[in-house]
Amino acid sequence: MAAIDSAKRQRQASADLTGQPLAPEGSVYNPGEQQMLAQFSASLPQPPARGLFQVRTAGDDVLHAPKRIVTTPDTDLIDFMLIMLDDDRQRVLIKVSTHY
């Protein structure tokens, strides 16, 4: 879900387009996979102990593509909305992620 592969491809495509070399991996301009995963994980709301979740996405055409529900969020999602229902606290938690 964290779109790590997409981010890496985008940085490489940008470097190829501009003719500039990629910054060293692990730097602020070219974070490594573990850095990106840690940053993504820190941005997620704390999952409830008991409840439901749903992930919706429209892929890379968020304005025009039909929205779909992702039942196994193990793919590289570019734009998505994660909704979690916390049964115990009776709250809805929402995380929206975009990569532009």
N, C-alpha and C. Protein backbone atom coordinates (compact mmCIF):
# COMPACT_ATOMS: atom_id res chain seq x y z
N MET A 1 0.80 -1.20 0.00
CA MET A 1 0.00 0.00 0.00
C MET A 1 0.84 1.26 0.00
N ALA A 2 2.06 1.18 0.44
CA ALA A 2 2.87 2.38 0.65
C ALA A 2 3.40 3.01 -0.63
N ALA A 3 3.20 2.39 -1.77
CA ALA A 3 3.65 2.91 -3.07
C ALA A 3 5.15 3.13 -3.13
N ILE A 4 5.90 2.27 -2.49
CA ILE A 4 7.36 2.39 -2.47
C ILE A 4 7.93 2.15 -3.86
N ASP A 5 7.47 1.11 -4.54
CA ASP A 5 7.97 0.84 -5.89
C ASP A 5 7.65 1.98 -6.85
N SER A 6 6.45 2.53 -6.73
CA SER A 6 6.07 3.67 -7.59
C SER A 6 6.95 4.88 -7.32
N ALA A 7 7.23 5.15 -6.06
CA ALA A 7 8.08 6.30 -5.72
C ALA A 7 9.49 6.11 -6.27
N LYS A 8 10.02 4.90 -6.17
CA LYS A 8 11.36 4.64 -6.69
C LYS A 8 11.40 4.81 -8.21
N ARG A 9 10.36 4.29 -8.89
CA ARG A 9 10.31 4.45 -10.35
C ARG A 9 10.18 5.91 -10.75
N GLN A 10 9.39 6.68 -10.00
CA GLN A 10 9.22 8.10 -10.31
C GLN A 10 10.53 8.86 -10.14
N ARG A 11 11.27 8.58 -9.06
CA ARG A 11 12.56 9.26 -8.87
C ARG A 11 13.53 8.92 -9.98
N GLN A 12 13.57 7.65 -10.40
CA GLN A 12 14.47 7.25 -11.48
C GLN A 12 14.06 7.90 -12.79
N ALA A 13 12.76 7.94 -13.08
CA ALA A 13 12.28 8.57 -14.32
C ALA A 13 12.61 10.05 -14.33
N SER A 14 12.48 10.71 -13.19
CA SER A 14 12.80 12.13 -13.08
C SER A 14 14.29 12.36 -13.33
N ALA A 15 15.12 11.50 -12.76
CA ALA A 15 16.57 11.62 -12.97
C ALA A 15 16.92 11.39 -14.43
N ASP A 16 16.28 10.40 -15.05
CA ASP A 16 16.53 10.13 -16.47
C ASP A 16 16.10 11.30 -17.34
N LEU A 17 14.96 11.90 -17.01
CA LEU A 17 14.42 13.01 -17.79
C LEU A 17 15.30 14.25 -17.69
N THR A 18 15.78 14.54 -16.49
CA THR A 18 16.59 15.75 -16.29
C THR A 18 18.07 15.53 -16.56
N GLY A 19 18.50 14.27 -16.62
CA GLY A 19 19.92 13.99 -16.82
C GLY A 19 20.73 14.14 -15.54
N GLN A 20 20.07 14.38 -14.43
CA GLN A 20 20.74 14.52 -13.14
C GLN A 20 20.85 13.15 -12.48
N PRO A 21 21.97 12.87 -11.83
CA PRO A 21 22.08 11.59 -11.13
C PRO A 21 21.17 11.57 -9.91
N LEU A 22 20.77 10.36 -9.53
CA LEU A 22 19.99 10.21 -8.30
C LEU A 22 20.84 10.58 -7.10
N ALA A 23 20.22 11.17 -6.11
CA ALA A 23 20.91 11.44 -4.85
C ALA A 23 21.27 10.09 -4.22
N PRO A 24 22.26 10.06 -3.36
CA PRO A 24 22.62 8.79 -2.72
C PRO A 24 21.43 8.18 -1.98
N GLU A 25 21.28 6.85 -2.11
CA GLU A 25 20.18 6.19 -1.43
C GLU A 25 20.32 6.36 0.08
N GLY A 26 19.21 6.67 0.70
CA GLY A 26 19.20 6.92 2.14
C GLY A 26 19.21 8.41 2.46
N SER A 27 19.44 9.24 1.44
CA SER A 27 19.42 10.69 1.67
C SER A 27 17.98 11.18 1.69
N VAL A 28 17.80 12.42 2.08
CA VAL A 28 16.45 12.99 2.14
C VAL A 28 15.79 13.04 0.76
N TYR A 29 16.59 13.14 -0.31
CA TYR A 29 16.05 13.22 -1.66
C TYR A 29 15.87 11.85 -2.32
N ASN A 30 16.40 10.81 -1.70
CA ASN A 30 16.28 9.46 -2.22
C ASN A 30 16.25 8.47 -1.06
N PRO A 31 15.18 8.52 -0.27
CA PRO A 31 15.12 7.63 0.90
C PRO A 31 15.06 6.16 0.47
N GLY A 32 15.61 5.30 1.31
CA GLY A 32 15.58 3.87 1.05
C GLY A 32 14.22 3.28 1.38
N GLU A 33 14.05 2.01 1.01
CA GLU A 33 12.76 1.35 1.23
C GLU A 33 12.36 1.34 2.70
N GLN A 34 13.30 1.04 3.58
CA GLN A 34 12.98 0.99 5.00
C GLN A 34 12.58 2.37 5.53
N GLN A 35 13.24 3.42 5.05
CA GLN A 35 12.88 4.78 5.46
C GLN A 35 11.47 5.13 4.99
N MET A 36 11.16 4.79 3.73
CA MET A 36 9.83 5.10 3.20
C MET A 36 8.76 4.29 3.92
N LEU A 37 9.05 3.03 4.21
CA LEU A 37 8.07 2.21 4.92
C LEU A 37 7.85 2.72 6.34
N ALA A 38 8.92 3.13 7.01
CA ALA A 38 8.78 3.68 8.36
C ALA A 38 7.96 4.97 8.34
N GLN A 39 8.21 5.84 7.37
CA GLN A 39 7.46 7.09 7.26
C GLN A 39 5.99 6.82 6.97
N PHE A 40 5.71 5.88 6.07
CA PHE A 40 4.33 5.52 5.76
C PHE A 40 3.64 4.93 6.98
N SER A 41 4.29 4.01 7.66
CA SER A 41 3.70 3.37 8.84
C SER A 41 3.38 4.40 9.92
N ALA A 42 4.27 5.37 10.09
CA ALA A 42 4.05 6.41 11.11
C ALA A 42 2.87 7.30 10.75
N SER A 43 2.53 7.37 9.47
CA SER A 43 1.42 8.24 9.05
C SER A 43 0.05 7.58 9.20
N LEU A 44 0.04 6.28 9.44
CA LEU A 44 -1.24 5.57 9.57
C LEU A 44 -1.83 5.74 10.96
N PRO A 45 -3.15 5.80 11.07
CA PRO A 45 -3.77 5.83 12.39
C PRO A 45 -3.54 4.49 13.10
N GLN A 46 -3.53 4.52 14.41
CA GLN A 46 -3.38 3.30 15.19
C GLN A 46 -4.57 2.38 14.90
N PRO A 47 -4.33 1.15 14.44
CA PRO A 47 -5.47 0.29 14.12
C PRO A 47 -6.23 -0.10 15.39
N PRO A 48 -7.54 -0.17 15.30
CA PRO A 48 -8.34 -0.55 16.46
C PRO A 48 -8.12 -2.02 16.83
N ALA A 49 -8.32 -2.33 18.09
CA ALA A 49 -8.21 -3.72 18.54
C ALA A 49 -9.33 -4.56 17.96
N ARG A 50 -10.48 -3.94 17.75
CA ARG A 50 -11.65 -4.64 17.23
C ARG A 50 -12.40 -3.70 16.30
N GLY A 51 -12.70 -4.16 15.12
CA GLY A 51 -13.44 -3.32 14.19
C GLY A 51 -13.30 -3.81 12.76
N LEU A 52 -13.57 -2.93 11.83
CA LEU A 52 -13.54 -3.24 10.41
C LEU A 52 -12.67 -2.22 9.69
N PHE A 53 -12.20 -2.59 8.49
CA PHE A 53 -11.49 -1.61 7.68
C PHE A 53 -11.90 -1.78 6.23
N GLN A 54 -11.68 -0.72 5.45
CA GLN A 54 -11.92 -0.78 4.02
C GLN A 54 -10.92 0.14 3.34
N VAL A 55 -10.40 -0.29 2.20
CA VAL A 55 -9.49 0.52 1.40
C VAL A 55 -10.17 0.75 0.06
N ARG A 56 -10.27 2.02 -0.34
CA ARG A 56 -10.83 2.37 -1.64
C ARG A 56 -9.78 3.09 -2.45
N THR A 57 -9.78 2.82 -3.74
CA THR A 57 -8.81 3.45 -4.63
C THR A 57 -9.42 3.70 -5.99
N ALA A 58 -8.84 4.63 -6.71
CA ALA A 58 -9.21 4.85 -8.11
C ALA A 58 -7.96 4.76 -8.98
N GLY A 59 -6.92 4.13 -8.44
CA GLY A 59 -5.68 3.99 -9.20
C GLY A 59 -5.03 5.34 -9.42
N ASP A 60 -4.50 5.55 -10.61
CA ASP A 60 -3.80 6.81 -10.89
C ASP A 60 -4.68 7.81 -11.63
N ASP A 61 -5.98 7.53 -11.72
CA ASP A 61 -6.91 8.45 -12.37
C ASP A 61 -8.04 8.75 -11.38
N VAL A 62 -7.66 9.35 -10.25
CA VAL A 62 -8.57 9.50 -9.12
C VAL A 62 -9.80 10.33 -9.44
N LEU A 63 -9.74 11.21 -10.42
CA LEU A 63 -10.89 12.05 -10.74
C LEU A 63 -11.89 11.35 -11.66
N HIS A 64 -11.43 10.39 -12.46
CA HIS A 64 -12.32 9.82 -13.47
C HIS A 64 -12.53 8.32 -13.37
N ALA A 65 -11.60 7.58 -12.83
CA ALA A 65 -11.75 6.12 -12.76
C ALA A 65 -12.80 5.74 -11.74
N PRO A 66 -13.52 4.67 -11.99
CA PRO A 66 -14.48 4.23 -10.98
C PRO A 66 -13.75 3.78 -9.72
N LYS A 67 -14.28 4.15 -8.60
CA LYS A 67 -13.67 3.77 -7.34
C LYS A 67 -13.86 2.27 -7.14
N ARG A 68 -12.89 1.63 -6.54
CA ARG A 68 -13.02 0.21 -6.27
C ARG A 68 -12.54 -0.08 -4.86
N ILE A 69 -13.05 -1.15 -4.31
CA ILE A 69 -12.65 -1.57 -2.97
C ILE A 69 -11.52 -2.58 -3.11
N VAL A 70 -10.45 -2.37 -2.37
CA VAL A 70 -9.30 -3.27 -2.38
C VAL A 70 -9.46 -4.22 -1.21
N THR A 71 -9.57 -5.51 -1.50
CA THR A 71 -9.80 -6.48 -0.43
C THR A 71 -8.51 -7.00 0.18
N THR A 72 -7.41 -6.95 -0.54
CA THR A 72 -6.10 -7.34 0.00
C THR A 72 -5.13 -6.20 -0.27
N PRO A 73 -4.92 -5.30 0.69
CA PRO A 73 -4.07 -4.12 0.45
C PRO A 73 -2.59 -4.45 0.45
N ASP A 74 -2.19 -5.39 -0.42
CA ASP A 74 -0.78 -5.76 -0.50
C ASP A 74 -0.15 -5.31 -1.81
N THR A 75 -0.86 -4.47 -2.55
CA THR A 75 -0.32 -3.97 -3.81
C THR A 75 0.15 -2.53 -3.62
N ASP A 76 0.87 -2.04 -4.59
CA ASP A 76 1.42 -0.69 -4.57
C ASP A 76 0.33 0.29 -4.98
N LEU A 77 -0.34 0.91 -4.02
CA LEU A 77 -1.44 1.81 -4.30
C LEU A 77 -0.93 3.24 -4.42
N ILE A 78 -1.30 3.92 -5.48
CA ILE A 78 -0.86 5.30 -5.71
C ILE A 78 -1.73 6.27 -4.91
N ASP A 79 -3.02 6.16 -5.07
CA ASP A 79 -3.97 7.01 -4.33
C ASP A 79 -4.97 6.08 -3.65
N PHE A 80 -5.18 6.29 -2.36
CA PHE A 80 -6.15 5.45 -1.68
C PHE A 80 -6.72 6.15 -0.46
N MET A 81 -7.82 5.60 0.02
CA MET A 81 -8.41 6.05 1.27
C MET A 81 -8.61 4.81 2.13
N LEU A 82 -8.07 4.83 3.32
CA LEU A 82 -8.21 3.75 4.30
C LEU A 82 -9.19 4.21 5.36
N ILE A 83 -10.23 3.43 5.56
CA ILE A 83 -11.25 3.77 6.55
C ILE A 83 -11.27 2.63 7.57
N MET A 84 -11.18 2.97 8.86
CA MET A 84 -11.23 1.97 9.92
C MET A 84 -12.34 2.32 10.89
N LEU A 85 -13.15 1.33 11.23
CA LEU A 85 -14.20 1.50 12.22
C LEU A 85 -13.69 0.89 13.52
N ASP A 86 -13.62 1.71 14.56
CA ASP A 86 -13.19 1.26 15.88
C ASP A 86 -14.45 0.96 16.69
N ASP A 87 -14.77 -0.34 16.83
CA ASP A 87 -15.99 -0.73 17.55
C ASP A 87 -15.96 -0.30 19.01
N ASP A 88 -14.82 -0.46 19.67
CA ASP A 88 -14.73 -0.18 21.09
C ASP A 88 -14.96 1.30 21.40
N ARG A 89 -14.33 2.17 20.62
CA ARG A 89 -14.44 3.62 20.88
C ARG A 89 -15.54 4.28 20.06
N GLN A 90 -16.16 3.52 19.18
CA GLN A 90 -17.21 4.02 18.28
C GLN A 90 -16.73 5.25 17.51
N ARG A 91 -15.59 5.04 16.82
CA ARG A 91 -14.99 6.10 16.01
C ARG A 91 -14.70 5.56 14.61
N VAL A 92 -14.63 6.46 13.67
CA VAL A 92 -14.20 6.14 12.32
C VAL A 92 -12.87 6.87 12.10
N LEU A 93 -11.84 6.13 11.68
CA LEU A 93 -10.53 6.69 11.40
C LEU A 93 -10.33 6.66 9.89
N ILE A 94 -9.82 7.75 9.32
CA ILE A 94 -9.65 7.84 7.89
C ILE A 94 -8.24 8.30 7.56
N LYS A 95 -7.60 7.63 6.62
CA LYS A 95 -6.28 8.03 6.12
C LYS A 95 -6.40 8.15 4.61
N VAL A 96 -6.04 9.29 4.07
CA VAL A 96 -6.03 9.52 2.63
C VAL A 96 -4.59 9.68 2.20
N SER A 97 -4.20 8.99 1.16
CA SER A 97 -2.82 9.05 0.67
C SER A 97 -2.82 9.32 -0.82
N THR A 98 -2.02 10.28 -1.23
CA THR A 98 -1.85 10.58 -2.65
C THR A 98 -0.37 10.70 -2.95
N HIS A 99 0.00 10.38 -4.17
CA HIS A 99 1.40 10.49 -4.61
C HIS A 99 1.41 11.24 -5.92
N TYR A 100 1.80 12.50 -5.89
CA TYR A 100 1.87 13.30 -7.11
C TYR A 100 3.24 13.89 -7.24
